[in-house]
Amino acid sequence: MIEVKNVFKSYDSLEILKGINMRVESSEIVSIVGASGAGKSTLLHIIGTIDKPNSGEVWIKNNNVCTMSDKALSSFRNKEIGFIYQFHHLLAEFSAIENVCIPAFIAKKTKKEASKRAEELFDILQLRERMNHKPSELSGGEQQRVAVARALINSPSIVLADEPSGNLDSQNAKELHQLFFRLRETYKQTFVIVTHNKELAQMSDRELIIKDGIII
């Protein structure tokens, strides 16, 4: 599903990634752990096609995403990759369901199609009663589950999460972690999760440790 081959990344004279090689199989849940500044988020952004390496290759579903045009890459990202961040980044002026539908509208789905899919996700995430509420009317755990629904709206094959439970209390974090595994069972998606949470890392199928810009 995902293969990273000898990826290097630096910003000016600062080397961040120093020859990353990794492979993630379809429907696998892999955690990437390491100290702050080790390059975890940079690697996730490169896998997610938000950033590009200085050298090396990134293959996703047999596509070398490093050679794609910006237009093709944007379309590929919207269809195949869902993102979950530490902070939910919901738009305050829109309701929960409107926030979730935005990526579907970008993918040129009709309002009816997007709303139907969003309602299915709200049912799975046990949020149906909250879908017309604004983000400010939701708890932290609910806001993050809305962000999960937004990441899943286009049925991506890959979900990338960057410290997804880092802003949650222990109970909400535990529920979010369990949710990832339920979603994997339901949709057979592949998850790559950057985390400092030891419990989540240990729950994963594999735990990759990045140190000084390489996977050890």
Protein backbone atom coordinates (compact mmCIF):
# COMPACT_ATOMS: atom_id res chain seq x y z
CA MET A 1 0.00 0.00 0.00
CA ILE A 2 2.76 2.45 1.03
CA GLU A 3 6.47 2.18 0.30
CA VAL A 4 9.05 4.83 1.20
CA LYS A 5 12.43 4.36 -0.48
CA ASN A 6 15.58 6.11 0.72
CA VAL A 7 13.86 9.42 1.46
CA PHE A 8 15.96 12.42 2.47
CA LYS A 9 14.56 15.78 3.54
CA SER A 10 16.28 18.92 4.71
CA TYR A 11 15.34 22.54 5.21
CA ASP A 12 18.29 24.72 4.22
CA SER A 13 21.21 23.17 6.11
CA LEU A 14 19.04 21.31 8.65
CA GLU A 15 18.76 17.60 7.83
CA ILE A 16 15.47 16.13 9.03
CA LEU A 17 15.18 12.75 7.27
CA LYS A 18 18.39 10.90 6.44
CA GLY A 19 17.41 7.91 4.34
CA ILE A 20 14.00 6.61 5.40
CA ASN A 21 12.89 3.19 4.20
CA MET A 22 9.56 1.73 5.27
CA ARG A 23 6.68 -0.31 3.97
CA VAL A 24 3.07 -0.43 5.16
CA GLU A 25 0.74 -3.17 4.01
CA SER A 26 -2.93 -2.78 3.14
CA SER A 27 -5.22 -2.59 6.22
CA GLU A 28 -2.25 -2.38 8.57
CA ILE A 29 -2.15 0.01 11.53
CA VAL A 30 1.40 1.32 12.01
CA SER A 31 2.53 3.78 14.67
CA ILE A 32 5.57 6.01 14.24
CA VAL A 33 7.17 7.03 17.53
CA GLY A 34 10.23 9.00 18.57
CA ALA A 35 11.39 12.09 20.37
CA SER A 36 10.19 15.56 19.40
CA GLY A 37 12.18 16.80 16.40
CA ALA A 38 13.06 13.28 15.21
CA GLY A 39 11.23 13.82 11.89
CA LYS A 40 7.93 12.01 12.54
CA SER A 41 5.60 14.74 11.29
CA THR A 42 7.87 15.56 8.35
CA LEU A 43 7.73 11.91 7.28
CA LEU A 44 3.93 11.85 7.66
CA HIS A 45 3.59 15.00 5.53
CA ILE A 46 5.74 13.44 2.81
CA ILE A 47 3.69 10.21 2.86
CA GLY A 48 0.58 12.37 2.71
CA THR A 49 1.92 14.24 -0.36
CA ILE A 50 1.71 17.59 1.48
CA ASP A 51 5.49 17.91 1.28
CA LYS A 52 8.07 16.45 -1.10
CA PRO A 53 11.42 14.83 -0.29
CA ASN A 54 14.71 16.23 -1.55
CA SER A 55 15.47 12.75 -2.86
CA GLY A 56 13.99 9.27 -2.72
CA GLU A 57 10.64 7.84 -3.73
CA VAL A 58 7.21 7.45 -2.15
CA TRP A 59 4.89 4.85 -3.66
CA ILE A 60 1.20 4.69 -2.75
CA LYS A 61 -1.04 2.09 -4.36
CA ASN A 62 1.61 1.50 -7.05
CA ASN A 63 1.85 5.23 -7.85
CA ASN A 64 5.11 7.13 -7.46
CA VAL A 65 3.57 10.25 -5.96
CA CYS A 66 6.86 12.17 -6.20
CA THR A 67 6.53 12.31 -9.99
CA MET A 68 2.88 13.41 -10.16
CA SER A 69 1.85 16.87 -11.32
CA ASP A 70 0.38 19.17 -8.69
CA LYS A 71 -3.10 18.81 -10.19
CA ALA A 72 -2.94 15.00 -10.29
CA LEU A 73 -1.49 14.91 -6.80
CA SER A 74 -4.26 17.12 -5.40
CA SER A 75 -6.92 14.84 -6.87
CA PHE A 76 -5.12 11.70 -5.67
CA ARG A 77 -4.76 13.11 -2.13
CA ASN A 78 -8.42 14.10 -1.94
CA LYS A 79 -9.55 10.63 -3.02
CA GLU A 80 -7.04 8.30 -1.37
CA ILE A 81 -5.76 9.99 1.80
CA GLY A 82 -7.55 11.20 4.92
CA PHE A 83 -5.83 13.37 7.52
CA ILE A 84 -6.43 13.63 11.27
CA TYR A 85 -4.45 16.17 13.27
CA GLN A 86 -3.91 16.84 16.97
CA PHE A 87 -6.18 19.87 16.73
CA HIS A 88 -9.48 19.31 14.98
CA HIS A 89 -9.25 22.40 12.69
CA LEU A 90 -13.03 22.54 12.31
CA LEU A 91 -14.45 25.73 10.81
CA ALA A 92 -16.32 27.54 13.59
CA GLU A 93 -19.01 29.07 11.39
CA PHE A 94 -20.17 25.70 9.98
CA SER A 95 -22.10 22.88 11.64
CA ALA A 96 -20.46 19.52 12.27
CA ILE A 97 -22.03 17.94 9.18
CA GLU A 98 -21.08 20.92 7.00
CA ASN A 99 -17.47 20.59 8.17
CA VAL A 100 -17.47 16.88 7.35
CA CYS A 101 -18.93 17.40 3.87
CA ILE A 102 -16.31 19.94 2.70
CA PRO A 103 -13.80 17.36 1.30
CA ALA A 104 -16.68 15.64 -0.52
CA PHE A 105 -17.68 18.91 -2.17
CA ILE A 106 -14.05 19.42 -3.23
CA ALA A 107 -14.29 15.95 -4.81
CA LYS A 108 -17.34 17.27 -6.73
CA LYS A 109 -19.87 15.04 -4.97
CA THR A 110 -23.44 16.29 -4.79
CA LYS A 111 -24.89 17.62 -1.54
CA LYS A 112 -27.17 14.57 -1.40
CA GLU A 113 -24.26 12.13 -1.83
CA ALA A 114 -22.08 13.95 0.69
CA SER A 115 -24.84 14.26 3.28
CA LYS A 116 -25.78 10.59 3.01
CA ARG A 117 -22.18 9.49 3.54
CA ALA A 118 -21.72 11.98 6.39
CA GLU A 119 -24.83 10.71 8.17
CA GLU A 120 -23.52 7.13 7.90
CA LEU A 121 -20.28 8.24 9.56
CA PHE A 122 -22.10 10.16 12.28
CA ASP A 123 -24.02 6.96 13.07
CA ILE A 124 -20.80 4.92 13.26
CA LEU A 125 -19.13 7.58 15.42
CA GLN A 126 -22.24 7.91 17.63
CA LEU A 127 -22.65 11.58 16.81
CA ARG A 128 -25.96 11.76 14.92
CA GLU A 129 -27.61 13.95 17.58
CA ARG A 130 -24.71 16.39 17.35
CA MET A 131 -24.29 16.74 13.59
CA ASN A 132 -26.13 20.07 13.34
CA HIS A 133 -24.20 21.62 16.24
CA LYS A 134 -21.37 24.13 15.75
CA PRO A 135 -17.88 23.08 16.92
CA SER A 136 -18.12 25.40 19.94
CA GLU A 137 -21.13 23.39 21.12
CA LEU A 138 -19.21 20.09 21.09
CA SER A 139 -16.86 18.56 23.65
CA GLY A 140 -13.20 18.00 22.80
CA GLY A 141 -13.80 14.31 22.16
CA GLU A 142 -16.79 15.07 19.94
CA GLN A 143 -14.84 17.66 17.96
CA GLN A 144 -12.09 15.12 17.28
CA ARG A 145 -14.61 12.48 16.18
CA VAL A 146 -16.07 15.03 13.75
CA ALA A 147 -12.54 15.53 12.43
CA VAL A 148 -12.28 11.75 12.00
CA ALA A 149 -15.55 11.74 10.03
CA ARG A 150 -14.19 14.52 7.81
CA ALA A 151 -11.08 12.43 7.13
CA LEU A 152 -13.26 9.46 6.15
CA ILE A 153 -15.90 11.22 4.03
CA ASN A 154 -14.29 10.32 0.68
CA SER A 155 -13.61 6.71 1.75
CA PRO A 156 -9.81 7.05 1.53
CA SER A 157 -7.70 3.92 1.40
CA ILE A 158 -5.15 5.51 3.78
CA VAL A 159 -5.69 7.49 6.97
CA LEU A 160 -2.76 9.51 8.34
CA ALA A 161 -2.97 10.77 11.91
CA ASP A 162 -0.55 13.21 13.56
CA GLU A 163 -0.82 13.04 17.38
CA PRO A 164 -4.60 12.49 17.05
CA SER A 165 -5.19 12.06 20.78
CA GLY A 166 -2.58 14.58 21.94
CA ASN A 167 -5.22 17.18 22.85
CA LEU A 168 -7.63 14.76 24.58
CA ASP A 169 -8.01 13.55 28.14
CA SER A 170 -7.17 9.90 28.84
CA GLN A 171 -10.74 8.58 28.49
CA ASN A 172 -11.41 10.34 25.18
CA ALA A 173 -7.96 9.29 23.94
CA LYS A 174 -8.71 5.65 24.75
CA GLU A 175 -12.06 5.82 22.94
CA LEU A 176 -10.42 7.41 19.89
CA HIS A 177 -7.75 4.69 19.78
CA GLN A 178 -10.40 1.96 19.94
CA LEU A 179 -12.31 3.76 17.19
CA PHE A 180 -9.37 3.46 14.80
CA PHE A 181 -9.40 -0.32 15.14
CA ARG A 182 -13.18 -0.51 14.65
CA LEU A 183 -12.85 1.61 11.51
CA ARG A 184 -10.11 -0.68 10.21
CA GLU A 185 -12.37 -3.69 10.70
CA THR A 186 -15.29 -1.93 8.97
CA TYR A 187 -13.52 -0.24 6.04
CA LYS A 188 -10.21 -2.19 5.76
CA GLN A 189 -8.30 1.09 5.68
CA THR A 190 -4.59 1.52 6.28
CA PHE A 191 -3.58 3.75 9.22
CA VAL A 192 -0.22 5.45 9.81
CA ILE A 193 -0.22 7.23 13.16
CA VAL A 194 2.42 9.54 14.60
CA THR A 195 2.05 9.41 18.37
CA HIS A 196 3.69 9.91 21.74
CA ASN A 197 0.96 7.79 23.33
CA LYS A 198 2.55 4.51 24.40
CA GLU A 199 -0.78 2.70 24.72
CA LEU A 200 -1.76 3.52 21.12
CA ALA A 201 1.68 2.58 19.81
CA GLN A 202 1.52 -0.78 21.58
CA MET A 203 -1.99 -1.47 20.24
CA SER A 204 -0.80 -1.03 16.65
CA ASP A 205 0.18 -3.90 14.38
CA ARG A 206 3.70 -2.47 14.24
CA GLU A 207 5.61 0.29 15.96
CA LEU A 208 8.34 2.10 14.00
CA ILE A 209 10.86 4.16 15.94
CA ILE A 210 12.44 7.15 14.23
CA LYS A 211 15.61 8.60 15.71
CA ASP A 212 17.91 11.24 14.25
CA GLY A 213 16.12 11.08 10.90
CA ILE A 214 16.22 7.31 10.34
CA ILE A 215 14.02 4.38 11.33
CA ILE A 216 15.80 2.11 13.80
